[in-house]
Amino acid sequence: MRLTARKLNSFMLFKLPAAFICGVRAKELNDSKCEVTVKYRWINQNPFKSMFWAVQGMAAEFSTGALMMLKIQNTGRRMSMLVTSNQASFTKKAIGRINFTCNDGHNIDAVLKHAIETGEGQVVTLTSTGVDGSGDIVSSFSFEWSVKLKKE
């Protein structure tokens, strides 16, 4: 069963309920990118009348993780994946609808291939950028993902 944005949203409801309740939704998923959207609302606000940084982090992480899940599925192998570190920067107040996009699909392929060939864990850093309705960058996140082939 191929991953789609709709299937990811169902997955989120049951496996990531906090993100679902805050309004995080997958919008687009393909081999090169994943776009996730979240709208500033009462449930995800901070005291400064903008979106709480952790909600932005959930959306950004989901955009990188969903892309990683799709790429792992495409290998036909069972692999574990885990965030080992992350970094974020915030450049503008996050209000309105924020779209987080990870365009690093091409970086994942070589890492997964190397993990399968060697059987050793590998790491890859994926970036997700949050853009508001005006096209301004509001935040940028980098997540270091560790992947390892599971023993069968």
N, C-alpha and C. Protein backbone atom coordinates (compact mmCIF):
# COMPACT_ATOMS: atom_id res chain seq x y z
N MET A 1 0.84 -1.17 0.00
CA MET A 1 0.00 0.00 0.00
C MET A 1 0.90 1.25 0.00
N ARG A 2 0.77 2.06 -1.01
CA ARG A 2 1.60 3.26 -1.17
C ARG A 2 1.12 4.38 -0.24
N LEU A 3 2.08 5.05 0.40
CA LEU A 3 1.74 6.18 1.26
C LEU A 3 1.21 7.35 0.44
N THR A 4 0.19 7.99 0.93
CA THR A 4 -0.36 9.19 0.33
C THR A 4 -0.60 10.21 1.44
N ALA A 5 -0.85 11.45 1.06
CA ALA A 5 -1.13 12.48 2.06
C ALA A 5 -2.36 12.10 2.88
N ARG A 6 -3.37 11.57 2.24
CA ARG A 6 -4.60 11.19 2.95
C ARG A 6 -4.33 10.07 3.97
N LYS A 7 -3.55 9.08 3.58
CA LYS A 7 -3.22 7.98 4.49
C LYS A 7 -2.37 8.49 5.66
N LEU A 8 -1.49 9.45 5.38
CA LEU A 8 -0.68 10.02 6.45
C LEU A 8 -1.54 10.76 7.47
N ASN A 9 -2.57 11.43 7.00
CA ASN A 9 -3.47 12.14 7.93
C ASN A 9 -4.24 11.17 8.82
N SER A 10 -4.64 10.03 8.27
CA SER A 10 -5.29 9.00 9.09
C SER A 10 -4.30 8.42 10.10
N PHE A 11 -3.08 8.18 9.65
CA PHE A 11 -2.01 7.69 10.52
C PHE A 11 -1.80 8.67 11.68
N MET A 12 -1.78 9.96 11.37
CA MET A 12 -1.56 10.99 12.38
C MET A 12 -2.66 10.97 13.44
N LEU A 13 -3.89 10.80 13.02
CA LEU A 13 -5.01 10.78 13.96
C LEU A 13 -4.80 9.73 15.04
N PHE A 14 -4.31 8.56 14.66
CA PHE A 14 -4.16 7.45 15.61
C PHE A 14 -2.79 7.37 16.27
N LYS A 15 -1.73 7.79 15.58
CA LYS A 15 -0.38 7.64 16.13
C LYS A 15 0.23 8.94 16.64
N LEU A 16 -0.27 10.09 16.16
CA LEU A 16 0.23 11.40 16.59
C LEU A 16 -0.95 12.33 16.90
N PRO A 17 -1.77 11.96 17.89
CA PRO A 17 -3.00 12.73 18.11
C PRO A 17 -2.77 14.19 18.48
N ALA A 18 -1.68 14.52 19.17
CA ALA A 18 -1.42 15.92 19.53
C ALA A 18 -1.24 16.76 18.27
N ALA A 19 -0.51 16.23 17.30
CA ALA A 19 -0.31 16.96 16.04
C ALA A 19 -1.64 17.09 15.29
N PHE A 20 -2.43 16.04 15.29
CA PHE A 20 -3.73 16.07 14.60
C PHE A 20 -4.64 17.12 15.23
N ILE A 21 -4.72 17.13 16.55
CA ILE A 21 -5.58 18.09 17.25
C ILE A 21 -5.12 19.53 17.00
N CYS A 22 -3.82 19.73 16.89
CA CYS A 22 -3.29 21.08 16.63
C CYS A 22 -3.47 21.53 15.19
N GLY A 23 -3.93 20.63 14.32
CA GLY A 23 -4.23 21.00 12.94
C GLY A 23 -3.16 20.68 11.91
N VAL A 24 -2.16 19.90 12.28
CA VAL A 24 -1.11 19.52 11.34
C VAL A 24 -1.70 18.54 10.33
N ARG A 25 -1.53 18.82 9.03
CA ARG A 25 -2.06 17.95 7.97
C ARG A 25 -1.06 17.83 6.83
N ALA A 26 -0.92 16.62 6.32
CA ALA A 26 -0.11 16.39 5.13
C ALA A 26 -0.88 16.90 3.92
N LYS A 27 -0.20 17.61 3.06
CA LYS A 27 -0.83 18.19 1.88
C LYS A 27 -0.37 17.51 0.60
N GLU A 28 0.93 17.21 0.52
CA GLU A 28 1.48 16.59 -0.69
C GLU A 28 2.66 15.70 -0.31
N LEU A 29 2.75 14.55 -0.97
CA LEU A 29 3.86 13.63 -0.75
C LEU A 29 4.21 12.98 -2.07
N ASN A 30 5.47 13.11 -2.46
CA ASN A 30 5.98 12.40 -3.64
C ASN A 30 7.44 12.05 -3.39
N ASP A 31 8.11 11.47 -4.38
CA ASP A 31 9.48 11.00 -4.18
C ASP A 31 10.50 12.09 -3.88
N SER A 32 10.19 13.33 -4.21
CA SER A 32 11.17 14.39 -3.99
C SER A 32 10.83 15.32 -2.84
N LYS A 33 9.54 15.42 -2.48
CA LYS A 33 9.19 16.37 -1.42
C LYS A 33 7.94 15.95 -0.65
N CYS A 34 7.82 16.57 0.52
CA CYS A 34 6.62 16.42 1.34
C CYS A 34 6.25 17.79 1.86
N GLU A 35 4.97 18.14 1.71
CA GLU A 35 4.47 19.41 2.22
C GLU A 35 3.40 19.14 3.27
N VAL A 36 3.57 19.80 4.41
CA VAL A 36 2.66 19.68 5.53
C VAL A 36 2.19 21.09 5.90
N THR A 37 0.93 21.22 6.23
CA THR A 37 0.37 22.53 6.53
C THR A 37 -0.24 22.55 7.92
N VAL A 38 -0.22 23.73 8.53
CA VAL A 38 -0.86 23.93 9.83
C VAL A 38 -1.31 25.39 9.89
N LYS A 39 -2.50 25.61 10.42
CA LYS A 39 -3.05 26.96 10.50
C LYS A 39 -3.04 27.43 11.95
N TYR A 40 -2.65 28.68 12.14
CA TYR A 40 -2.67 29.29 13.47
C TYR A 40 -4.11 29.35 13.97
N ARG A 41 -4.32 28.73 15.14
CA ARG A 41 -5.65 28.70 15.77
C ARG A 41 -5.48 28.82 17.28
N TRP A 42 -6.61 28.89 17.97
CA TRP A 42 -6.58 29.00 19.42
C TRP A 42 -5.83 27.83 20.06
N ILE A 43 -6.03 26.62 19.56
CA ILE A 43 -5.45 25.42 20.16
C ILE A 43 -3.93 25.37 20.04
N ASN A 44 -3.34 26.07 19.07
CA ASN A 44 -1.89 25.99 18.88
C ASN A 44 -1.17 27.33 19.08
N GLN A 45 -1.82 28.25 19.79
CA GLN A 45 -1.24 29.58 20.00
C GLN A 45 -0.26 29.60 21.17
N ASN A 46 0.57 30.64 21.18
CA ASN A 46 1.41 30.94 22.32
C ASN A 46 0.92 32.26 22.93
N PRO A 47 1.47 32.71 24.04
CA PRO A 47 0.99 33.96 24.65
C PRO A 47 1.27 35.21 23.82
N PHE A 48 2.04 35.09 22.76
CA PHE A 48 2.45 36.24 21.95
C PHE A 48 1.64 36.36 20.66
N LYS A 49 0.50 35.69 20.62
CA LYS A 49 -0.43 35.74 19.49
C LYS A 49 0.19 35.26 18.18
N SER A 50 0.90 34.16 18.29
CA SER A 50 1.42 33.46 17.11
C SER A 50 1.44 31.97 17.42
N MET A 51 1.85 31.17 16.44
CA MET A 51 1.85 29.72 16.60
C MET A 51 2.99 29.28 17.52
N PHE A 52 2.67 28.40 18.45
CA PHE A 52 3.65 27.86 19.39
C PHE A 52 4.76 27.16 18.62
N TRP A 53 5.99 27.34 19.07
CA TRP A 53 7.14 26.79 18.36
C TRP A 53 7.07 25.26 18.23
N ALA A 54 6.51 24.58 19.24
CA ALA A 54 6.45 23.13 19.21
C ALA A 54 5.49 22.62 18.14
N VAL A 55 4.43 23.37 17.86
CA VAL A 55 3.50 22.99 16.79
C VAL A 55 4.21 23.11 15.44
N GLN A 56 4.98 24.18 15.28
CA GLN A 56 5.77 24.31 14.06
C GLN A 56 6.75 23.15 13.93
N GLY A 57 7.33 22.76 15.06
CA GLY A 57 8.27 21.63 15.06
C GLY A 57 7.60 20.32 14.69
N MET A 58 6.37 20.11 15.17
CA MET A 58 5.64 18.89 14.81
C MET A 58 5.40 18.83 13.30
N ALA A 59 4.98 19.94 12.73
CA ALA A 59 4.70 19.98 11.30
C ALA A 59 5.98 19.78 10.50
N ALA A 60 7.05 20.44 10.92
CA ALA A 60 8.32 20.33 10.21
C ALA A 60 8.87 18.90 10.30
N GLU A 61 8.82 18.32 11.50
CA GLU A 61 9.32 16.95 11.66
C GLU A 61 8.49 15.97 10.84
N PHE A 62 7.19 16.17 10.81
CA PHE A 62 6.32 15.28 10.06
C PHE A 62 6.65 15.34 8.56
N SER A 63 6.99 16.53 8.06
CA SER A 63 7.31 16.63 6.63
C SER A 63 8.58 15.85 6.30
N THR A 64 9.56 15.85 7.20
CA THR A 64 10.78 15.09 6.94
C THR A 64 10.56 13.60 7.18
N GLY A 65 9.83 13.27 8.25
CA GLY A 65 9.58 11.87 8.59
C GLY A 65 8.71 11.14 7.58
N ALA A 66 7.69 11.83 7.07
CA ALA A 66 6.82 11.21 6.06
C ALA A 66 7.60 10.90 4.79
N LEU A 67 8.48 11.81 4.40
CA LEU A 67 9.30 11.58 3.22
C LEU A 67 10.24 10.39 3.45
N MET A 68 10.79 10.31 4.65
CA MET A 68 11.66 9.18 5.00
C MET A 68 10.87 7.87 4.98
N MET A 69 9.65 7.88 5.51
CA MET A 69 8.81 6.68 5.51
C MET A 69 8.52 6.21 4.08
N LEU A 70 8.21 7.15 3.19
CA LEU A 70 7.93 6.81 1.79
C LEU A 70 9.15 6.18 1.14
N LYS A 71 10.31 6.78 1.36
CA LYS A 71 11.54 6.25 0.76
C LYS A 71 11.89 4.87 1.30
N ILE A 72 11.68 4.66 2.59
CA ILE A 72 11.93 3.33 3.17
C ILE A 72 10.96 2.33 2.58
N GLN A 73 9.70 2.71 2.43
CA GLN A 73 8.70 1.82 1.83
C GLN A 73 9.11 1.44 0.40
N ASN A 74 9.66 2.39 -0.33
CA ASN A 74 10.08 2.13 -1.72
C ASN A 74 11.22 1.13 -1.82
N THR A 75 12.01 0.97 -0.75
CA THR A 75 13.11 0.00 -0.79
C THR A 75 12.59 -1.43 -0.66
N GLY A 76 11.41 -1.58 -0.06
CA GLY A 76 10.88 -2.92 0.15
C GLY A 76 11.52 -3.62 1.33
N ARG A 77 12.34 -2.92 2.08
CA ARG A 77 13.03 -3.48 3.25
C ARG A 77 12.46 -2.89 4.52
N ARG A 78 12.64 -3.61 5.63
CA ARG A 78 12.22 -3.10 6.93
C ARG A 78 13.37 -2.34 7.56
N MET A 79 13.11 -1.10 7.93
CA MET A 79 14.15 -0.27 8.53
C MET A 79 13.57 0.50 9.70
N SER A 80 14.42 0.76 10.68
CA SER A 80 14.01 1.62 11.78
C SER A 80 14.52 3.03 11.50
N MET A 81 13.79 4.02 12.03
CA MET A 81 14.19 5.41 11.85
C MET A 81 13.94 6.16 13.14
N LEU A 82 14.82 7.11 13.43
CA LEU A 82 14.74 7.84 14.69
C LEU A 82 15.41 9.19 14.54
N VAL A 83 14.77 10.23 15.07
CA VAL A 83 15.40 11.56 15.09
C VAL A 83 16.47 11.54 16.17
N THR A 84 17.70 11.90 15.82
CA THR A 84 18.79 11.91 16.79
C THR A 84 19.17 13.32 17.21
N SER A 85 18.83 14.32 16.42
CA SER A 85 19.04 15.70 16.83
C SER A 85 18.22 16.61 15.92
N ASN A 86 18.01 17.83 16.40
CA ASN A 86 17.33 18.81 15.56
C ASN A 86 17.80 20.22 15.91
N GLN A 87 17.57 21.13 14.98
CA GLN A 87 17.94 22.53 15.16
C GLN A 87 16.86 23.36 14.48
N ALA A 88 16.56 24.52 15.05
CA ALA A 88 15.52 25.37 14.47
C ALA A 88 15.92 26.83 14.55
N SER A 89 15.39 27.58 13.60
CA SER A 89 15.52 29.04 13.65
C SER A 89 14.18 29.65 13.28
N PHE A 90 13.86 30.74 13.93
CA PHE A 90 12.57 31.41 13.75
C PHE A 90 12.83 32.84 13.29
N THR A 91 12.22 33.24 12.18
CA THR A 91 12.53 34.54 11.60
C THR A 91 11.35 35.50 11.55
N LYS A 92 10.14 35.00 11.75
CA LYS A 92 8.96 35.84 11.67
C LYS A 92 7.85 35.20 12.49
N LYS A 93 6.94 36.03 12.99
CA LYS A 93 5.77 35.52 13.72
C LYS A 93 4.96 34.60 12.82
N ALA A 94 4.60 33.44 13.33
CA ALA A 94 3.84 32.45 12.54
C ALA A 94 2.35 32.66 12.80
N ILE A 95 1.69 33.33 11.87
CA ILE A 95 0.24 33.52 11.93
C ILE A 95 -0.34 33.14 10.58
N GLY A 96 -1.60 32.76 10.56
CA GLY A 96 -2.21 32.30 9.31
C GLY A 96 -1.82 30.86 9.04
N ARG A 97 -1.87 30.47 7.77
CA ARG A 97 -1.51 29.11 7.37
C ARG A 97 -0.02 29.06 7.05
N ILE A 98 0.65 28.09 7.66
CA ILE A 98 2.07 27.90 7.44
C ILE A 98 2.28 26.56 6.75
N ASN A 99 3.00 26.57 5.65
CA ASN A 99 3.31 25.35 4.90
C ASN A 99 4.77 24.98 5.14
N PHE A 100 4.98 23.77 5.63
CA PHE A 100 6.33 23.25 5.85
C PHE A 100 6.65 22.28 4.73
N THR A 101 7.76 22.54 4.06
CA THR A 101 8.14 21.70 2.92
C THR A 101 9.55 21.15 3.11
N CYS A 102 9.68 19.85 2.90
CA CYS A 102 10.97 19.19 2.86
C CYS A 102 11.19 18.75 1.43
N ASN A 103 12.25 19.26 0.81
CA ASN A 103 12.59 18.93 -0.59
C ASN A 103 13.82 18.03 -0.68
N ASP A 104 14.10 17.26 0.35
CA ASP A 104 15.35 16.50 0.43
C ASP A 104 15.22 15.04 0.04
N GLY A 105 14.22 14.69 -0.75
CA GLY A 105 14.04 13.29 -1.14
C GLY A 105 15.26 12.69 -1.79
N HIS A 106 15.97 13.49 -2.58
CA HIS A 106 17.17 12.99 -3.27
C HIS A 106 18.29 12.63 -2.30
N ASN A 107 18.34 13.27 -1.13
CA ASN A 107 19.38 12.97 -0.14
C ASN A 107 19.16 11.64 0.56
N ILE A 108 17.92 11.20 0.61
CA ILE A 108 17.59 9.99 1.36
C ILE A 108 17.99 8.72 0.61
N ASP A 109 17.84 8.72 -0.70
CA ASP A 109 18.09 7.51 -1.50
C ASP A 109 19.47 6.91 -1.28
N ALA A 110 20.51 7.74 -1.34
CA ALA A 110 21.88 7.23 -1.20
C ALA A 110 22.12 6.69 0.21
N VAL A 111 21.55 7.35 1.20
CA VAL A 111 21.72 6.91 2.59
C VAL A 111 21.06 5.55 2.81
N LEU A 112 19.85 5.38 2.29
CA LEU A 112 19.16 4.10 2.44
C LEU A 112 19.90 2.99 1.70
N LYS A 113 20.39 3.30 0.51
CA LYS A 113 21.15 2.31 -0.26
C LYS A 113 22.38 1.86 0.51
N HIS A 114 23.09 2.81 1.09
CA HIS A 114 24.29 2.49 1.86
C HIS A 114 23.95 1.69 3.11
N ALA A 115 22.84 2.01 3.77
CA ALA A 115 22.41 1.26 4.96
C ALA A 115 22.08 -0.18 4.60
N ILE A 116 21.44 -0.39 3.45
CA ILE A 116 21.09 -1.74 3.02
C ILE A 116 22.34 -2.54 2.64
N GLU A 117 23.26 -1.90 1.92
CA GLU A 117 24.48 -2.58 1.48
C GLU A 117 25.38 -2.98 2.63
N THR A 118 25.52 -2.09 3.62
CA THR A 118 26.46 -2.35 4.71
C THR A 118 25.82 -2.99 5.93
N GLY A 119 24.51 -2.82 6.08
CA GLY A 119 23.83 -3.31 7.28
C GLY A 119 24.09 -2.44 8.50
N GLU A 120 24.78 -1.34 8.30
CA GLU A 120 25.10 -0.43 9.40
C GLU A 120 24.15 0.75 9.41
N GLY A 121 23.96 1.33 10.58
CA GLY A 121 23.13 2.51 10.71
C GLY A 121 23.75 3.69 9.98
N GLN A 122 22.90 4.53 9.45
CA GLN A 122 23.35 5.73 8.72
C GLN A 122 22.56 6.93 9.24
N VAL A 123 23.09 8.12 9.01
CA VAL A 123 22.38 9.34 9.39
C VAL A 123 22.26 10.25 8.17
N VAL A 124 21.17 11.00 8.15
CA VAL A 124 20.95 11.98 7.09
C VAL A 124 20.24 13.18 7.74
N THR A 125 20.64 14.38 7.32
CA THR A 125 20.00 15.59 7.83
C THR A 125 19.02 16.10 6.79
N LEU A 126 17.78 16.28 7.22
CA LEU A 126 16.71 16.77 6.34
C LEU A 126 16.21 18.11 6.86
N THR A 127 15.92 19.01 5.96
CA THR A 127 15.50 20.36 6.32
C THR A 127 14.06 20.59 5.89
N SER A 128 13.30 21.28 6.75
CA SER A 128 11.94 21.67 6.43
C SER A 128 11.81 23.17 6.70
N THR A 129 11.26 23.87 5.73
CA THR A 129 11.12 25.32 5.84
C THR A 129 9.64 25.68 5.91
N GLY A 130 9.29 26.53 6.88
CA GLY A 130 7.92 26.99 7.05
C GLY A 130 7.73 28.34 6.40
N VAL A 131 6.73 28.42 5.52
CA VAL A 131 6.46 29.64 4.76
C VAL A 131 5.01 30.06 5.00
N ASP A 132 4.79 31.36 5.22
CA ASP A 132 3.43 31.85 5.45
C ASP A 132 2.74 32.19 4.13
N GLY A 133 1.51 32.68 4.21
CA GLY A 133 0.73 32.99 3.02
C GLY A 133 1.33 34.07 2.14
N SER A 134 2.20 34.92 2.71
CA SER A 134 2.86 35.98 1.95
C SER A 134 4.12 35.49 1.25
N GLY A 135 4.48 34.23 1.50
CA GLY A 135 5.70 33.69 0.91
C GLY A 135 6.94 33.95 1.75
N ASP A 136 6.76 34.48 2.96
CA ASP A 136 7.89 34.75 3.85
C ASP A 136 8.22 33.52 4.69
N ILE A 137 9.50 33.27 4.87
CA ILE A 137 9.94 32.17 5.72
C ILE A 137 9.73 32.57 7.18
N VAL A 138 9.00 31.73 7.92
CA VAL A 138 8.77 32.01 9.34
C VAL A 138 9.68 31.17 10.23
N SER A 139 10.05 29.98 9.76
CA SER A 139 10.95 29.12 10.53
C SER A 139 11.58 28.08 9.64
N SER A 140 12.70 27.58 10.11
CA SER A 140 13.41 26.53 9.38
C SER A 140 13.92 25.51 10.40
N PHE A 141 13.71 24.24 10.10
CA PHE A 141 14.10 23.16 10.99
C PHE A 141 15.01 22.18 10.26
N SER A 142 16.02 21.69 10.97
CA SER A 142 16.86 20.60 10.46
C SER A 142 16.74 19.44 11.43
N PHE A 143 16.49 18.26 10.88
CA PHE A 143 16.37 17.05 11.69
C PHE A 143 17.40 16.04 11.21
N GLU A 144 18.17 15.51 12.13
CA GLU A 144 19.10 14.43 11.81
C GLU A 144 18.38 13.13 12.08
N TRP A 145 18.17 12.34 11.01
CA TRP A 145 17.50 11.06 11.10
C TRP A 145 18.53 9.94 11.05
N SER A 146 18.39 8.98 11.94
CA SER A 146 19.19 7.77 11.92
C SER A 146 18.34 6.65 11.34
N VAL A 147 18.89 5.89 10.41
CA VAL A 147 18.18 4.76 9.82
C VAL A 147 19.04 3.52 9.92
N LYS A 148 18.40 2.39 10.14
CA LYS A 148 19.13 1.13 10.26
C LYS A 148 18.25 0.01 9.74
N LEU A 149 18.86 -0.90 9.02
CA LEU A 149 18.17 -2.07 8.50
C LEU A 149 17.80 -2.98 9.65
N LYS A 150 16.54 -3.42 9.69
CA LYS A 150 16.11 -4.35 10.74
C LYS A 150 16.50 -5.77 10.33
N LYS A 151 16.85 -6.56 11.33
CA LYS A 151 17.18 -7.96 11.07
C LYS A 151 15.91 -8.72 10.79
N GLU A 152 15.95 -9.55 9.77
CA GLU A 152 14.73 -10.28 9.37
C GLU A 152 14.75 -11.69 9.87
